[in-house]
Amino acid sequence: MKENPQSIFGGATECIHHFLPKSLGLSLRWYVKDGIPVTVKQHNEIHGKDGKKMEERIIEIKGKEWLKDLYAQRMKLAKYAKEEDIIKHIKGEKENYAS
């Protein structure tokens, strides 16, 4: 059995948190850079009362350029993404799937 990768805050990854909500744009839905590996407990904390502090810590860890990239991705048009482009993106074979 394969071991889970490390969560951004430590511990084994149990889920992926969308840093920018996927509801902000279809172009974020499968954008790998928007996914933050966390434990279930950490994910609940992000969505709880201390969520703002945790999000600030994520930005410190990932960097401001990463955040700028997410906002740029959000503005890209991706009405109907092609499945093969999404798969290539997830595998790391394609930088972006949105046009």
N, C-alpha and C. Protein backbone atom coordinates (compact mmCIF):
# COMPACT_ATOMS: atom_id res chain seq x y z
N MET A 1 0.83 -1.18 0.00
CA MET A 1 0.00 0.00 0.00
C MET A 1 0.88 1.25 0.00
N LYS A 2 0.54 2.21 -0.84
CA LYS A 2 1.31 3.44 -0.98
C LYS A 2 1.00 4.39 0.18
N GLU A 3 2.05 5.00 0.75
CA GLU A 3 1.88 5.93 1.86
C GLU A 3 1.40 7.28 1.34
N ASN A 4 0.54 7.95 2.12
CA ASN A 4 0.03 9.26 1.73
C ASN A 4 1.16 10.29 1.75
N PRO A 5 1.14 11.24 0.82
CA PRO A 5 2.13 12.32 0.85
C PRO A 5 1.89 13.23 2.06
N GLN A 6 2.84 14.07 2.34
CA GLN A 6 2.79 14.95 3.50
C GLN A 6 1.81 16.10 3.30
N SER A 7 1.02 16.39 4.32
CA SER A 7 0.15 17.56 4.34
C SER A 7 1.00 18.82 4.44
N ILE A 8 0.48 19.94 3.98
CA ILE A 8 1.22 21.20 4.04
C ILE A 8 1.53 21.61 5.48
N PHE A 9 0.71 21.18 6.43
CA PHE A 9 0.91 21.51 7.84
C PHE A 9 1.48 20.34 8.64
N GLY A 10 1.84 19.26 7.97
CA GLY A 10 2.36 18.07 8.64
C GLY A 10 1.28 17.01 8.78
N GLY A 11 1.69 15.77 8.82
CA GLY A 11 0.75 14.65 8.87
C GLY A 11 0.47 14.13 7.47
N ALA A 12 -0.17 12.98 7.41
CA ALA A 12 -0.48 12.36 6.13
C ALA A 12 -1.68 13.06 5.47
N THR A 13 -1.56 13.31 4.18
CA THR A 13 -2.65 13.94 3.44
C THR A 13 -3.85 13.01 3.41
N GLU A 14 -5.01 13.57 3.74
CA GLU A 14 -6.26 12.82 3.71
C GLU A 14 -7.25 13.42 2.72
N CYS A 15 -7.06 14.69 2.39
CA CYS A 15 -7.94 15.35 1.41
C CYS A 15 -7.22 16.55 0.81
N ILE A 16 -7.82 17.13 -0.21
CA ILE A 16 -7.26 18.30 -0.88
C ILE A 16 -8.21 19.47 -0.69
N HIS A 17 -7.66 20.59 -0.23
CA HIS A 17 -8.44 21.81 -0.02
C HIS A 17 -8.23 22.72 -1.22
N HIS A 18 -9.33 23.20 -1.82
CA HIS A 18 -9.22 24.22 -2.86
C HIS A 18 -8.95 25.54 -2.17
N PHE A 19 -7.76 26.12 -2.42
CA PHE A 19 -7.45 27.40 -1.77
C PHE A 19 -8.42 28.47 -2.23
N LEU A 20 -8.56 28.64 -3.54
CA LEU A 20 -9.62 29.50 -4.08
C LEU A 20 -10.79 28.58 -4.40
N PRO A 21 -11.95 28.86 -3.89
CA PRO A 21 -13.09 27.96 -4.12
C PRO A 21 -13.33 27.71 -5.60
N LYS A 22 -13.56 26.47 -5.94
CA LYS A 22 -13.80 26.11 -7.34
C LYS A 22 -15.06 26.79 -7.88
N SER A 23 -15.91 27.27 -6.98
CA SER A 23 -17.10 27.99 -7.40
C SER A 23 -16.75 29.35 -8.03
N LEU A 24 -15.51 29.82 -7.81
CA LEU A 24 -15.09 31.09 -8.40
C LEU A 24 -14.80 30.99 -9.89
N GLY A 25 -14.68 29.78 -10.39
CA GLY A 25 -14.43 29.64 -11.82
C GLY A 25 -14.12 28.21 -12.18
N LEU A 26 -14.66 27.78 -13.30
CA LEU A 26 -14.41 26.42 -13.79
C LEU A 26 -12.93 26.17 -14.02
N SER A 27 -12.19 27.22 -14.35
CA SER A 27 -10.76 27.06 -14.62
C SER A 27 -9.98 26.66 -13.37
N LEU A 28 -10.57 26.78 -12.18
CA LEU A 28 -9.92 26.37 -10.94
C LEU A 28 -10.25 24.93 -10.54
N ARG A 29 -11.30 24.40 -11.10
CA ARG A 29 -11.83 23.10 -10.67
C ARG A 29 -10.77 21.99 -10.64
N TRP A 30 -9.98 21.87 -11.68
CA TRP A 30 -8.96 20.82 -11.75
C TRP A 30 -7.55 21.38 -11.75
N TYR A 31 -7.40 22.65 -11.39
CA TYR A 31 -6.08 23.29 -11.41
C TYR A 31 -5.26 22.78 -10.23
N VAL A 32 -4.27 21.97 -10.51
CA VAL A 32 -3.50 21.28 -9.47
C VAL A 32 -2.90 22.25 -8.47
N LYS A 33 -2.43 23.40 -8.92
CA LYS A 33 -1.79 24.36 -8.01
C LYS A 33 -2.77 24.93 -6.98
N ASP A 34 -4.07 24.84 -7.22
CA ASP A 34 -5.07 25.32 -6.27
C ASP A 34 -5.33 24.29 -5.16
N GLY A 35 -4.87 23.07 -5.35
CA GLY A 35 -5.11 22.02 -4.37
C GLY A 35 -4.05 22.01 -3.27
N ILE A 36 -4.51 22.09 -2.03
CA ILE A 36 -3.61 22.09 -0.88
C ILE A 36 -3.81 20.78 -0.11
N PRO A 37 -2.75 19.97 0.00
CA PRO A 37 -2.87 18.70 0.73
C PRO A 37 -2.97 18.94 2.23
N VAL A 38 -4.02 18.40 2.83
CA VAL A 38 -4.26 18.58 4.27
C VAL A 38 -4.85 17.30 4.87
N THR A 39 -4.87 17.26 6.19
CA THR A 39 -5.59 16.20 6.89
C THR A 39 -7.05 16.64 6.99
N VAL A 40 -7.93 15.73 7.34
CA VAL A 40 -9.34 16.08 7.51
C VAL A 40 -9.48 17.10 8.64
N LYS A 41 -8.76 16.91 9.73
CA LYS A 41 -8.81 17.85 10.85
C LYS A 41 -8.38 19.25 10.40
N GLN A 42 -7.28 19.32 9.65
CA GLN A 42 -6.79 20.61 9.16
C GLN A 42 -7.81 21.25 8.22
N HIS A 43 -8.43 20.44 7.38
CA HIS A 43 -9.43 20.96 6.45
C HIS A 43 -10.60 21.57 7.22
N ASN A 44 -11.05 20.90 8.25
CA ASN A 44 -12.13 21.43 9.09
C ASN A 44 -11.70 22.73 9.77
N GLU A 45 -10.44 22.81 10.20
CA GLU A 45 -9.94 24.02 10.83
C GLU A 45 -9.87 25.19 9.84
N ILE A 46 -9.49 24.90 8.60
CA ILE A 46 -9.45 25.94 7.55
C ILE A 46 -10.83 26.54 7.36
N HIS A 47 -11.85 25.70 7.43
CA HIS A 47 -13.22 26.18 7.25
C HIS A 47 -13.86 26.63 8.56
N GLY A 48 -13.09 26.62 9.64
CA GLY A 48 -13.59 27.04 10.95
C GLY A 48 -13.15 28.44 11.33
N LYS A 49 -13.19 28.71 12.62
CA LYS A 49 -12.93 30.07 13.11
C LYS A 49 -11.49 30.52 12.91
N ASP A 50 -10.53 29.61 12.83
CA ASP A 50 -9.12 29.97 12.63
C ASP A 50 -8.70 29.86 11.17
N GLY A 51 -9.66 29.77 10.29
CA GLY A 51 -9.38 29.57 8.87
C GLY A 51 -8.52 30.66 8.25
N LYS A 52 -8.76 31.89 8.64
CA LYS A 52 -8.00 33.02 8.06
C LYS A 52 -6.52 32.89 8.38
N LYS A 53 -6.20 32.52 9.62
CA LYS A 53 -4.80 32.34 10.02
C LYS A 53 -4.15 31.22 9.23
N MET A 54 -4.88 30.14 9.02
CA MET A 54 -4.34 29.01 8.28
C MET A 54 -4.12 29.37 6.81
N GLU A 55 -5.05 30.13 6.24
CA GLU A 55 -4.89 30.56 4.85
C GLU A 55 -3.69 31.49 4.71
N GLU A 56 -3.47 32.37 5.68
CA GLU A 56 -2.30 33.24 5.68
C GLU A 56 -1.02 32.41 5.73
N ARG A 57 -1.03 31.35 6.52
CA ARG A 57 0.14 30.46 6.63
C ARG A 57 0.39 29.74 5.30
N ILE A 58 -0.67 29.31 4.63
CA ILE A 58 -0.53 28.66 3.32
C ILE A 58 0.14 29.62 2.34
N ILE A 59 -0.28 30.88 2.36
CA ILE A 59 0.32 31.88 1.46
C ILE A 59 1.80 32.08 1.80
N GLU A 60 2.14 32.09 3.08
CA GLU A 60 3.55 32.20 3.48
C GLU A 60 4.35 31.03 2.94
N ILE A 61 3.79 29.82 3.03
CA ILE A 61 4.48 28.61 2.58
C ILE A 61 4.59 28.57 1.06
N LYS A 62 3.49 28.84 0.37
CA LYS A 62 3.44 28.71 -1.09
C LYS A 62 4.02 29.92 -1.81
N GLY A 63 3.89 31.11 -1.24
CA GLY A 63 4.46 32.32 -1.83
C GLY A 63 3.43 33.17 -2.57
N LYS A 64 3.77 34.45 -2.69
CA LYS A 64 2.87 35.40 -3.34
C LYS A 64 2.75 35.17 -4.84
N GLU A 65 3.81 34.68 -5.47
CA GLU A 65 3.74 34.39 -6.91
C GLU A 65 2.74 33.27 -7.17
N TRP A 66 2.71 32.29 -6.29
CA TRP A 66 1.73 31.20 -6.39
C TRP A 66 0.32 31.76 -6.33
N LEU A 67 0.08 32.68 -5.39
CA LEU A 67 -1.24 33.27 -5.24
C LEU A 67 -1.62 34.08 -6.48
N LYS A 68 -0.68 34.84 -7.02
CA LYS A 68 -0.93 35.61 -8.24
C LYS A 68 -1.31 34.67 -9.38
N ASP A 69 -0.62 33.54 -9.46
CA ASP A 69 -0.91 32.55 -10.50
C ASP A 69 -2.35 32.02 -10.36
N LEU A 70 -2.79 31.77 -9.14
CA LEU A 70 -4.15 31.28 -8.92
C LEU A 70 -5.18 32.31 -9.39
N TYR A 71 -4.95 33.57 -9.06
CA TYR A 71 -5.90 34.61 -9.49
C TYR A 71 -5.88 34.78 -11.01
N ALA A 72 -4.72 34.63 -11.62
CA ALA A 72 -4.65 34.69 -13.09
C ALA A 72 -5.40 33.52 -13.70
N GLN A 73 -5.24 32.34 -13.11
CA GLN A 73 -5.95 31.14 -13.60
C GLN A 73 -7.46 31.34 -13.50
N ARG A 74 -7.89 31.95 -12.42
CA ARG A 74 -9.32 32.17 -12.20
C ARG A 74 -9.96 32.96 -13.33
N MET A 75 -9.19 33.85 -13.94
CA MET A 75 -9.71 34.72 -14.98
C MET A 75 -9.74 34.05 -16.36
N LYS A 76 -9.15 32.87 -16.48
CA LYS A 76 -9.10 32.19 -17.77
C LYS A 76 -10.43 31.53 -18.09
N LEU A 77 -10.74 31.51 -19.35
CA LEU A 77 -11.98 30.91 -19.81
C LEU A 77 -11.83 29.40 -19.93
N ALA A 78 -12.71 28.67 -19.31
CA ALA A 78 -12.70 27.21 -19.39
C ALA A 78 -14.14 26.73 -19.33
N LYS A 79 -14.93 27.11 -20.32
CA LYS A 79 -16.34 26.72 -20.31
C LYS A 79 -16.50 25.20 -20.29
N TYR A 80 -15.87 24.54 -21.23
CA TYR A 80 -15.95 23.09 -21.33
C TYR A 80 -14.55 22.55 -21.53
N ALA A 81 -13.91 22.16 -20.46
CA ALA A 81 -12.56 21.62 -20.54
C ALA A 81 -12.61 20.22 -21.15
N LYS A 82 -11.62 19.92 -21.97
CA LYS A 82 -11.53 18.59 -22.57
C LYS A 82 -10.95 17.62 -21.54
N GLU A 83 -11.56 16.47 -21.43
CA GLU A 83 -11.13 15.47 -20.46
C GLU A 83 -9.65 15.13 -20.63
N GLU A 84 -9.21 14.95 -21.87
CA GLU A 84 -7.81 14.56 -22.09
C GLU A 84 -6.84 15.66 -21.63
N ASP A 85 -7.26 16.94 -21.76
CA ASP A 85 -6.41 18.03 -21.29
C ASP A 85 -6.33 18.06 -19.77
N ILE A 86 -7.45 17.78 -19.10
CA ILE A 86 -7.46 17.73 -17.64
C ILE A 86 -6.56 16.60 -17.14
N ILE A 87 -6.66 15.44 -17.76
CA ILE A 87 -5.84 14.30 -17.35
C ILE A 87 -4.35 14.61 -17.54
N LYS A 88 -3.99 15.21 -18.67
CA LYS A 88 -2.59 15.59 -18.91
C LYS A 88 -2.13 16.59 -17.86
N HIS A 89 -3.00 17.52 -17.48
CA HIS A 89 -2.65 18.52 -16.48
C HIS A 89 -2.41 17.86 -15.12
N ILE A 90 -3.30 16.98 -14.72
CA ILE A 90 -3.16 16.30 -13.43
C ILE A 90 -1.89 15.46 -13.38
N LYS A 91 -1.53 14.84 -14.50
CA LYS A 91 -0.31 14.03 -14.58
C LYS A 91 0.95 14.89 -14.67
N GLY A 92 0.78 16.19 -14.85
CA GLY A 92 1.93 17.07 -14.97
C GLY A 92 2.49 17.17 -16.38
N GLU A 93 1.76 16.65 -17.36
CA GLU A 93 2.20 16.68 -18.74
C GLU A 93 1.81 17.97 -19.45
N LYS A 94 0.91 18.73 -18.87
CA LYS A 94 0.42 19.96 -19.47
C LYS A 94 0.28 20.99 -18.36
N GLU A 95 0.87 22.17 -18.56
CA GLU A 95 0.87 23.20 -17.52
C GLU A 95 -0.54 23.67 -17.18
N ASN A 96 -1.39 23.78 -18.18
CA ASN A 96 -2.70 24.38 -17.96
C ASN A 96 -3.72 23.71 -18.89
N TYR A 97 -4.93 23.63 -18.47
CA TYR A 97 -5.97 23.08 -19.34
C TYR A 97 -6.99 24.12 -19.77
N ALA A 98 -6.94 25.29 -19.15
CA ALA A 98 -7.88 26.36 -19.50
C ALA A 98 -7.30 27.20 -20.64
N SER A 99 -8.17 27.77 -21.45
CA SER A 99 -7.67 28.59 -22.55
C SER A 99 -7.53 30.03 -22.12
